[in-house]
Amino acid sequence: MLDSQDPSYNPEARDADGAKKSKDTDAKTGKVLVTSASTLVEIVLNQSDTSHFLITIDSENLLRGWNIEQSLTTLTYRLPVQSRVTAAAVDEKNKFLAVGTSSGESKVINLKSGGVLYNLAHCNSEVTYLKFIDGMTEFWLFGACWGGKLMMWTQPTEDNNFTISARCRVGHKSDVLSLDCSQNFIVSGGVDGIVSVWNVFSGQLKYAINMPNPNPESRKALDGADSGSNRASYRQPQR
């Protein structure tokens, strides 16, 4: 059927759409976070480098580094992983990019070139969060995973022939969703409502804090029960 025979055909709308596309230079310059076929899955704020201040990763595992002041992509490459990226982190020296995937695959990548530097041992569970730490501990990178697991990777140095060893700890009853570190502790939070506090030097669990249930319906069910039952409590793990 010819266009002129199609009752829904509108030549003016077609011309307007064509003009709009010809003016849309974002697809040519890279000024888009995602394409029509992908979704944004990870954002990393890289505050130590103004030229790559913002790093985005989409569902096609395409990484883009953004110059925020100029609104331009200054870095683009596809991450060399087999599954969908679910977590990413950049170290404080702006040299390494760590990525974890839905299958548990974890790698440390050269941020500038995209080349794989280390294939990390993992626990075959989806990685939900990654965090580098720069301190006196032997640990270098931490990862939160499904199944209540926490991965701890040691720092590669000349003393250990630039190799990375890994430990897998379980400190939650369900998936771990958040993670943060200080000079002395690692803190992880999970679906189970527990906040686990770990020793950053030994990797051992120090405390497990049961957080109050924020669900109003659950609070109503507690009426008449112990008035302190909705408060946070903690316990030390048995040794």
C-alpha atoms as a PDB file:
ATOM      1  CA  MET A   1       0.000   0.000   0.000  1.00  0.00           C
ATOM      2  CA  LEU A   2       1.225   3.445  -0.883  1.00  0.00           C
ATOM      3  CA  ASP A   3       1.595   6.080   1.817  1.00  0.00           C
ATOM      4  CA  SER A   4      -1.119   8.152   0.167  1.00  0.00           C
ATOM      5  CA  GLN A   5      -3.513   5.186   0.463  1.00  0.00           C
ATOM      6  CA  ASP A   6      -2.930   4.778   4.210  1.00  0.00           C
ATOM      7  CA  PRO A   7      -5.696   6.650   6.125  1.00  0.00           C
ATOM      8  CA  SER A   8      -3.332   7.187   9.069  1.00  0.00           C
ATOM      9  CA  TYR A   9      -0.616   8.715   6.899  1.00  0.00           C
ATOM     10  CA  ASN A  10       0.236  12.311   7.840  1.00  0.00           C
ATOM     11  CA  PRO A  11       2.981  13.868   5.683  1.00  0.00           C
ATOM     12  CA  GLU A  12       3.252  16.935   7.903  1.00  0.00           C
ATOM     13  CA  ALA A  13       3.869  14.794  10.995  1.00  0.00           C
ATOM     14  CA  ARG A  14       6.442  12.753   9.110  1.00  0.00           C
ATOM     15  CA  ASP A  15       8.327  15.864   8.001  1.00  0.00           C
ATOM     16  CA  ALA A  16       8.219  17.289  11.533  1.00  0.00           C
ATOM     17  CA  ASP A  17       9.549  14.048  12.948  1.00  0.00           C
ATOM     18  CA  GLY A  18      12.339  13.979  10.400  1.00  0.00           C
ATOM     19  CA  ALA A  19      13.323  17.537  11.227  1.00  0.00           C
ATOM     20  CA  LYS A  20      13.379  16.707  14.933  1.00  0.00           C
ATOM     21  CA  LYS A  21      15.688  13.762  14.346  1.00  0.00           C
ATOM     22  CA  SER A  22      18.025  15.807  12.169  1.00  0.00           C
ATOM     23  CA  LYS A  23      18.361  18.366  14.962  1.00  0.00           C
ATOM     24  CA  ASP A  24      18.909  15.743  17.636  1.00  0.00           C
ATOM     25  CA  THR A  25      22.691  15.591  17.784  1.00  0.00           C
ATOM     26  CA  ASP A  26      22.806  13.765  21.122  1.00  0.00           C
ATOM     27  CA  ALA A  27      22.971  10.390  19.400  1.00  0.00           C
ATOM     28  CA  LYS A  28      26.004  11.589  17.437  1.00  0.00           C
ATOM     29  CA  THR A  29      27.823  13.328  20.296  1.00  0.00           C
ATOM     30  CA  GLY A  30      27.048  10.784  23.013  1.00  0.00           C
ATOM     31  CA  LYS A  31      24.992  13.176  25.147  1.00  0.00           C
ATOM     32  CA  VAL A  32      22.635  10.416  26.277  1.00  0.00           C
ATOM     33  CA  LEU A  33      22.684   8.336  29.438  1.00  0.00           C
ATOM     34  CA  VAL A  34      21.025   5.349  27.770  1.00  0.00           C
ATOM     35  CA  THR A  35      19.713   4.358  24.366  1.00  0.00           C
ATOM     36  CA  SER A  36      16.139   3.335  23.591  1.00  0.00           C
ATOM     37  CA  ALA A  37      17.169  -0.313  23.957  1.00  0.00           C
ATOM     38  CA  SER A  38      18.859  -0.038  27.360  1.00  0.00           C
ATOM     39  CA  THR A  39      18.240   1.102  30.925  1.00  0.00           C
ATOM     40  CA  LEU A  40      20.489   2.765  33.472  1.00  0.00           C
ATOM     41  CA  VAL A  41      21.689   0.254  36.076  1.00  0.00           C
ATOM     42  CA  GLU A  42      24.575   1.931  37.927  1.00  0.00           C
ATOM     43  CA  ILE A  43      25.883   5.426  38.693  1.00  0.00           C
ATOM     44  CA  VAL A  44      29.287   6.058  40.290  1.00  0.00           C
ATOM     45  CA  LEU A  45      30.347   9.516  41.492  1.00  0.00           C
ATOM     46  CA  ASN A  46      34.049   9.824  40.802  1.00  0.00           C
ATOM     47  CA  GLN A  47      34.888  12.969  42.769  1.00  0.00           C
ATOM     48  CA  SER A  48      38.666  12.702  42.392  1.00  0.00           C
ATOM     49  CA  ASP A  49      38.604  13.348  38.637  1.00  0.00           C
ATOM     50  CA  THR A  50      36.711  16.317  37.205  1.00  0.00           C
ATOM     51  CA  SER A  51      36.929  15.058  33.643  1.00  0.00           C
ATOM     52  CA  HIS A  52      35.253  11.752  34.569  1.00  0.00           C
ATOM     53  CA  PHE A  53      33.197  13.041  37.468  1.00  0.00           C
ATOM     54  CA  LEU A  54      30.176  10.879  36.727  1.00  0.00           C
ATOM     55  CA  ILE A  55      30.328   7.287  35.535  1.00  0.00           C
ATOM     56  CA  THR A  56      27.216   5.511  34.267  1.00  0.00           C
ATOM     57  CA  ILE A  57      26.683   1.881  33.274  1.00  0.00           C
ATOM     58  CA  ASP A  58      23.627   0.731  31.338  1.00  0.00           C
ATOM     59  CA  SER A  59      21.934  -2.649  30.934  1.00  0.00           C
ATOM     60  CA  GLU A  60      24.058  -3.333  27.850  1.00  0.00           C
ATOM     61  CA  ASN A  61      27.170  -3.078  30.087  1.00  0.00           C
ATOM     62  CA  LEU A  62      28.218   0.094  28.293  1.00  0.00           C
ATOM     63  CA  LEU A  63      30.253   2.415  30.520  1.00  0.00           C
ATOM     64  CA  ARG A  64      30.339   6.158  29.974  1.00  0.00           C
ATOM     65  CA  GLY A  65      32.479   8.732  31.779  1.00  0.00           C
ATOM     66  CA  TRP A  66      30.924  12.195  31.869  1.00  0.00           C
ATOM     67  CA  ASN A  67      32.435  15.649  32.035  1.00  0.00           C
ATOM     68  CA  ILE A  68      29.682  17.337  34.001  1.00  0.00           C
ATOM     69  CA  GLU A  69      30.774  20.907  33.249  1.00  0.00           C
ATOM     70  CA  GLN A  70      30.662  20.356  29.496  1.00  0.00           C
ATOM     71  CA  SER A  71      27.907  17.697  29.477  1.00  0.00           C
ATOM     72  CA  LEU A  72      30.026  15.453  27.267  1.00  0.00           C
ATOM     73  CA  THR A  73      31.089  11.836  27.386  1.00  0.00           C
ATOM     74  CA  THR A  74      34.859  11.625  27.685  1.00  0.00           C
ATOM     75  CA  LEU A  75      35.124   7.868  28.188  1.00  0.00           C
ATOM     76  CA  THR A  76      33.150   5.034  26.591  1.00  0.00           C
ATOM     77  CA  TYR A  77      33.674   1.288  26.414  1.00  0.00           C
ATOM     78  CA  ARG A  78      31.777  -1.944  26.905  1.00  0.00           C
ATOM     79  CA  LEU A  79      32.620  -3.791  30.095  1.00  0.00           C
ATOM     80  CA  PRO A  80      34.189  -7.238  29.502  1.00  0.00           C
ATOM     81  CA  VAL A  81      31.764  -9.310  31.582  1.00  0.00           C
ATOM     82  CA  GLN A  82      29.406 -12.135  30.655  1.00  0.00           C
ATOM     83  CA  SER A  83      26.376 -11.096  32.724  1.00  0.00           C
ATOM     84  CA  ARG A  84      24.543  -7.878  33.510  1.00  0.00           C
ATOM     85  CA  VAL A  85      26.471  -5.479  35.742  1.00  0.00           C
ATOM     86  CA  THR A  86      24.706  -4.951  39.080  1.00  0.00           C
ATOM     87  CA  ALA A  87      27.364  -3.082  41.100  1.00  0.00           C
ATOM     88  CA  ALA A  88      30.405  -0.889  40.486  1.00  0.00           C
ATOM     89  CA  ALA A  89      32.948   1.161  42.437  1.00  0.00           C
ATOM     90  CA  VAL A  90      36.004   3.336  41.744  1.00  0.00           C
ATOM     91  CA  ASP A  91      39.014   3.483  44.070  1.00  0.00           C
ATOM     92  CA  GLU A  92      40.194   6.756  45.634  1.00  0.00           C
ATOM     93  CA  LYS A  93      43.226   6.963  43.333  1.00  0.00           C
ATOM     94  CA  ASN A  94      40.971   6.964  40.292  1.00  0.00           C
ATOM     95  CA  LYS A  95      42.812   4.020  38.774  1.00  0.00           C
ATOM     96  CA  PHE A  96      40.664   0.945  39.326  1.00  0.00           C
ATOM     97  CA  LEU A  97      37.052   0.148  38.524  1.00  0.00           C
ATOM     98  CA  ALA A  98      35.468  -2.844  40.259  1.00  0.00           C
ATOM     99  CA  VAL A  99      32.339  -4.401  38.757  1.00  0.00           C
ATOM    100  CA  GLY A 100      30.073  -7.212  39.912  1.00  0.00           C
ATOM    101  CA  THR A 101      27.333  -8.961  37.965  1.00  0.00           C
ATOM    102  CA  SER A 102      24.047 -10.798  38.373  1.00  0.00           C
ATOM    103  CA  SER A 103      25.893 -14.130  38.227  1.00  0.00           C
ATOM    104  CA  GLY A 104      28.468 -13.136  40.851  1.00  0.00           C
ATOM    105  CA  GLU A 105      31.246 -12.551  38.324  1.00  0.00           C
ATOM    106  CA  SER A 106      33.574  -9.864  39.705  1.00  0.00           C
ATOM    107  CA  LYS A 107      36.486  -8.061  38.066  1.00  0.00           C
ATOM    108  CA  VAL A 108      38.858  -5.171  38.655  1.00  0.00           C
ATOM    109  CA  ILE A 109      39.329  -3.131  35.506  1.00  0.00           C
ATOM    110  CA  ASN A 110      41.668  -0.358  34.409  1.00  0.00           C
ATOM    111  CA  LEU A 111      39.294   2.611  34.529  1.00  0.00           C
ATOM    112  CA  LYS A 112      40.954   4.477  31.655  1.00  0.00           C
ATOM    113  CA  SER A 113      41.365   1.634  29.180  1.00  0.00           C
ATOM    114  CA  GLY A 114      38.684  -0.864  30.183  1.00  0.00           C
ATOM    115  CA  GLY A 115      41.196  -3.721  30.297  1.00  0.00           C
ATOM    116  CA  VAL A 116      40.756  -6.483  32.872  1.00  0.00           C
ATOM    117  CA  LEU A 117      43.426  -6.439  35.577  1.00  0.00           C
ATOM    118  CA  TYR A 118      42.039  -9.033  38.000  1.00  0.00           C
ATOM    119  CA  ASN A 119      39.409 -11.744  37.748  1.00  0.00           C
ATOM    120  CA  LEU A 120      38.201 -12.027  41.337  1.00  0.00           C
ATOM    121  CA  ALA A 121      37.137 -15.156  43.156  1.00  0.00           C
ATOM    122  CA  HIS A 122      33.427 -14.982  43.949  1.00  0.00           C
ATOM    123  CA  CYS A 123      30.565 -16.862  45.621  1.00  0.00           C
ATOM    124  CA  ASN A 124      28.276 -17.315  42.573  1.00  0.00           C
ATOM    125  CA  SER A 125      25.693 -14.921  44.040  1.00  0.00           C
ATOM    126  CA  GLU A 126      24.535 -11.625  42.546  1.00  0.00           C
ATOM    127  CA  VAL A 127      26.682  -8.704  43.660  1.00  0.00           C
ATOM    128  CA  THR A 128      24.572  -5.826  44.981  1.00  0.00           C
ATOM    129  CA  TYR A 129      27.216  -3.368  46.226  1.00  0.00           C
ATOM    130  CA  LEU A 130      30.976  -2.825  45.976  1.00  0.00           C
ATOM    131  CA  LYS A 131      33.238  -0.624  48.069  1.00  0.00           C
ATOM    132  CA  PHE A 132      36.985   0.081  47.969  1.00  0.00           C
ATOM    133  CA  ILE A 133      38.775   0.901  51.219  1.00  0.00           C
ATOM    134  CA  ASP A 134      42.087   2.725  51.600  1.00  0.00           C
ATOM    135  CA  GLY A 135      43.569   2.028  55.021  1.00  0.00           C
ATOM    136  CA  MET A 136      45.998  -0.037  57.046  1.00  0.00           C
ATOM    137  CA  THR A 137      44.051  -3.269  56.597  1.00  0.00           C
ATOM    138  CA  GLU A 138      45.052  -6.019  54.178  1.00  0.00           C
ATOM    139  CA  PHE A 139      41.587  -5.807  52.643  1.00  0.00           C
ATOM    140  CA  TRP A 140      41.108  -3.694  49.554  1.00  0.00           C
ATOM    141  CA  LEU A 141      37.606  -4.301  48.242  1.00  0.00           C
ATOM    142  CA  PHE A 142      34.338  -5.441  49.781  1.00  0.00           C
ATOM    143  CA  GLY A 143      31.234  -6.774  48.066  1.00  0.00           C
ATOM    144  CA  ALA A 144      27.665  -7.326  49.275  1.00  0.00           C
ATOM    145  CA  CYS A 145      25.843 -10.262  47.703  1.00  0.00           C
ATOM    146  CA  TRP A 146      22.596 -12.179  47.664  1.00  0.00           C
ATOM    147  CA  GLY A 147      22.162 -14.975  50.168  1.00  0.00           C
ATOM    148  CA  GLY A 148      23.506 -12.963  53.117  1.00  0.00           C
ATOM    149  CA  LYS A 149      27.082 -13.126  51.834  1.00  0.00           C
ATOM    150  CA  LEU A 150      29.875 -10.580  52.095  1.00  0.00           C
ATOM    151  CA  MET A 151      32.986 -10.883  49.923  1.00  0.00           C
ATOM    152  CA  MET A 152      36.336  -9.504  51.102  1.00  0.00           C
ATOM    153  CA  TRP A 153      39.250  -9.200  48.669  1.00  0.00           C
ATOM    154  CA  THR A 154      42.807  -8.441  49.762  1.00  0.00           C
ATOM    155  CA  GLN A 155      45.003  -5.769  48.228  1.00  0.00           C
ATOM    156  CA  PRO A 156      47.538  -6.842  45.574  1.00  0.00           C
ATOM    157  CA  THR A 157      51.037  -5.735  46.547  1.00  0.00           C
ATOM    158  CA  GLU A 158      54.631  -6.526  45.702  1.00  0.00           C
ATOM    159  CA  ASP A 159      54.844  -8.591  48.910  1.00  0.00           C
ATOM    160  CA  ASN A 160      52.137 -10.993  47.735  1.00  0.00           C
ATOM    161  CA  ASN A 161      53.274 -10.966  44.103  1.00  0.00           C
ATOM    162  CA  PHE A 162      50.260  -8.811  43.185  1.00  0.00           C
ATOM    163  CA  THR A 163      47.760 -11.574  43.830  1.00  0.00           C
ATOM    164  CA  ILE A 164      44.311 -11.191  45.388  1.00  0.00           C
ATOM    165  CA  SER A 165      42.844 -13.639  47.871  1.00  0.00           C
ATOM    166  CA  ALA A 166      39.198 -13.698  48.881  1.00  0.00           C
ATOM    167  CA  ARG A 167      37.069 -14.515  51.893  1.00  0.00           C
ATOM    168  CA  CYS A 168      33.341 -15.143  51.916  1.00  0.00           C
ATOM    169  CA  ARG A 169      31.453 -14.380  55.134  1.00  0.00           C
ATOM    170  CA  VAL A 170      27.778 -14.834  55.971  1.00  0.00           C
ATOM    171  CA  GLY A 171      26.311 -12.252  58.321  1.00  0.00           C
ATOM    172  CA  HIS A 172      22.691 -12.014  57.176  1.00  0.00           C
ATOM    173  CA  LYS A 173      19.707 -14.320  56.816  1.00  0.00           C
ATOM    174  CA  SER A 174      18.855 -12.939  53.391  1.00  0.00           C
ATOM    175  CA  ASP A 175      20.233 -10.726  50.610  1.00  0.00           C
ATOM    176  CA  VAL A 176      22.705  -7.974  51.523  1.00  0.00           C
ATOM    177  CA  LEU A 177      21.754  -4.687  49.854  1.00  0.00           C
ATOM    178  CA  SER A 178      24.045  -2.008  51.299  1.00  0.00           C
ATOM    179  CA  LEU A 179      27.619  -1.668  52.467  1.00  0.00           C
ATOM    180  CA  ASP A 180      29.932   1.006  53.828  1.00  0.00           C
ATOM    181  CA  CYS A 181      33.378   1.152  55.422  1.00  0.00           C
ATOM    182  CA  SER A 182      35.376   3.225  57.867  1.00  0.00           C
ATOM    183  CA  GLN A 183      38.968   2.912  59.058  1.00  0.00           C
ATOM    184  CA  ASN A 184      37.945   0.316  61.658  1.00  0.00           C
ATOM    185  CA  PHE A 185      34.654  -1.241  60.633  1.00  0.00           C
ATOM    186  CA  ILE A 186      32.623  -2.548  57.743  1.00  0.00           C
ATOM    187  CA  VAL A 187      28.855  -2.141  58.023  1.00  0.00           C
ATOM    188  CA  SER A 188      26.387  -4.132  55.940  1.00  0.00           C
ATOM    189  CA  GLY A 189      22.596  -4.022  55.778  1.00  0.00           C
ATOM    190  CA  GLY A 190      20.251  -6.677  54.497  1.00  0.00           C
ATOM    191  CA  VAL A 191      16.657  -7.534  53.658  1.00  0.00           C
ATOM    192  CA  ASP A 192      16.442  -9.295  57.032  1.00  0.00           C
ATOM    193  CA  GLY A 193      16.512  -5.933  58.823  1.00  0.00           C
ATOM    194  CA  ILE A 194      19.894  -6.654  60.388  1.00  0.00           C
ATOM    195  CA  VAL A 195      22.869  -4.297  60.341  1.00  0.00           C
ATOM    196  CA  SER A 196      26.093  -6.273  60.678  1.00  0.00           C
ATOM    197  CA  VAL A 197      29.299  -4.653  61.912  1.00  0.00           C
ATOM    198  CA  TRP A 198      32.576  -6.295  60.893  1.00  0.00           C
ATOM    199  CA  ASN A 199      36.157  -5.804  62.000  1.00  0.00           C
ATOM    200  CA  VAL A 200      37.968  -4.311  59.012  1.00  0.00           C
ATOM    201  CA  PHE A 201      41.292  -5.904  60.005  1.00  0.00           C
ATOM    202  CA  SER A 202      40.226  -9.487  60.754  1.00  0.00           C
ATOM    203  CA  GLY A 203      37.078  -9.656  58.651  1.00  0.00           C
ATOM    204  CA  GLN A 204      35.213 -11.111  61.631  1.00  0.00           C
ATOM    205  CA  LEU A 205      31.634 -10.232  62.546  1.00  0.00           C
ATOM    206  CA  LYS A 206      31.547  -8.063  65.680  1.00  0.00           C
ATOM    207  CA  TYR A 207      27.884  -7.154  66.148  1.00  0.00           C
ATOM    208  CA  ALA A 208      24.521  -7.920  64.571  1.00  0.00           C
ATOM    209  CA  ILE A 209      21.996  -5.139  65.168  1.00  0.00           C
ATOM    210  CA  ASN A 210      18.293  -5.941  64.775  1.00  0.00           C
ATOM    211  CA  MET A 211      16.597  -2.816  63.434  1.00  0.00           C
ATOM    212  CA  PRO A 212      12.967  -1.944  64.314  1.00  0.00           C
ATOM    213  CA  ASN A 213      10.342  -2.902  61.760  1.00  0.00           C
ATOM    214  CA  PRO A 214       9.192   0.277  59.947  1.00  0.00           C
ATOM    215  CA  ASN A 215       5.984  -1.331  58.647  1.00  0.00           C
ATOM    216  CA  PRO A 216       2.978   0.366  60.322  1.00  0.00           C
ATOM    217  CA  GLU A 217       0.886  -2.801  60.016  1.00  0.00           C
ATOM    218  CA  SER A 218       3.557  -4.741  61.851  1.00  0.00           C
ATOM    219  CA  ARG A 219       3.610  -2.093  64.560  1.00  0.00           C
ATOM    220  CA  LYS A 220      -0.146  -2.405  65.051  1.00  0.00           C
ATOM    221  CA  ALA A 221       0.282  -6.126  65.514  1.00  0.00           C
ATOM    222  CA  LEU A 222       2.689  -5.383  68.340  1.00  0.00           C
ATOM    223  CA  ASP A 223       0.082  -3.426  70.367  1.00  0.00           C
ATOM    224  CA  GLY A 224      -0.102  -4.804  73.862  1.00  0.00           C
ATOM    225  CA  ALA A 225       3.277  -6.458  73.518  1.00  0.00           C
ATOM    226  CA  ASP A 226       6.507  -5.364  75.144  1.00  0.00           C
ATOM    227  CA  SER A 227       6.865  -1.589  74.682  1.00  0.00           C
ATOM    228  CA  GLY A 228      10.550  -2.002  73.927  1.00  0.00           C
ATOM    229  CA  SER A 229      10.062  -4.582  71.187  1.00  0.00           C
ATOM    230  CA  ASN A 230      10.182  -1.927  68.472  1.00  0.00           C
ATOM    231  CA  ARG A 231      13.593  -0.669  69.485  1.00  0.00           C
ATOM    232  CA  ALA A 232      16.875  -1.599  67.893  1.00  0.00           C
ATOM    233  CA  SER A 233      18.801  -4.309  69.694  1.00  0.00           C
ATOM    234  CA  TYR A 234      22.155  -5.873  69.100  1.00  0.00           C
ATOM    235  CA  ARG A 235      23.912  -9.086  69.878  1.00  0.00           C
ATOM    236  CA  GLN A 236      27.471 -10.234  69.742  1.00  0.00           C
ATOM    237  CA  PRO A 237      28.035 -13.312  67.584  1.00  0.00           C
ATOM    238  CA  GLN A 238      28.898 -16.477  69.439  1.00  0.00           C
ATOM    239  CA  ARG A 239      32.495 -17.448  69.144  1.00  0.00           C
END
